[in-house]
């Protein structure tokens, strides 16, 4: 739990008393590599803070092709927020790419923290703002960056992740084939 509480404290000023309340509302969970935390069309009952490991959020198109939307490494959040908040079917899947330790929260506990802990509201506001900025940047990159530029940005955003997960997931995230990613990587080494 210390990872989540440290992240919270590094983002907003919060009392130890309120940290205890926050801590009590989260559940520690372990997921094995390749285990799913959420499936498309199911209701997202929890949001996840990654303490150790890596999660991927992905969608599957009508041809059965997976498209990676995001990765949640240490100190990152993951979840289908629209499904979680609106109590509707999820539009994505979430899977552990490594054995992972997460701290999760259900809707009832989330709402309780939002009602009772003003610092948690500030924290979530900052998280949502940052997520919105990241999504905006990702859209612009996908529309106007070359594959090489998108890969450079990926390496900056997710340092060392390229050594931790299979290249096919990175290629999917970048919108390119694994073969093209391999070619990009070999050109960069030269």
Foldseek 3Di string as FASTA:
>chain_A
DVLQLVLLVVQFPDDPVLSVLVVVQKDKDKDAAFDWPDDFFDAWFKKKAWQAAKKWKWAADPVRDIATADMHHHRGIDTQVCSQVVVGTGRIIMGTNHTTIIIMGGNVSLVVCVVPPVSVVVVVVVNVVVVVVVVVVLVCCLVDNDLLVLVVVVCVVDPPVPVVGDQQNVCSNSVHGSVVVVVSVVVVVD
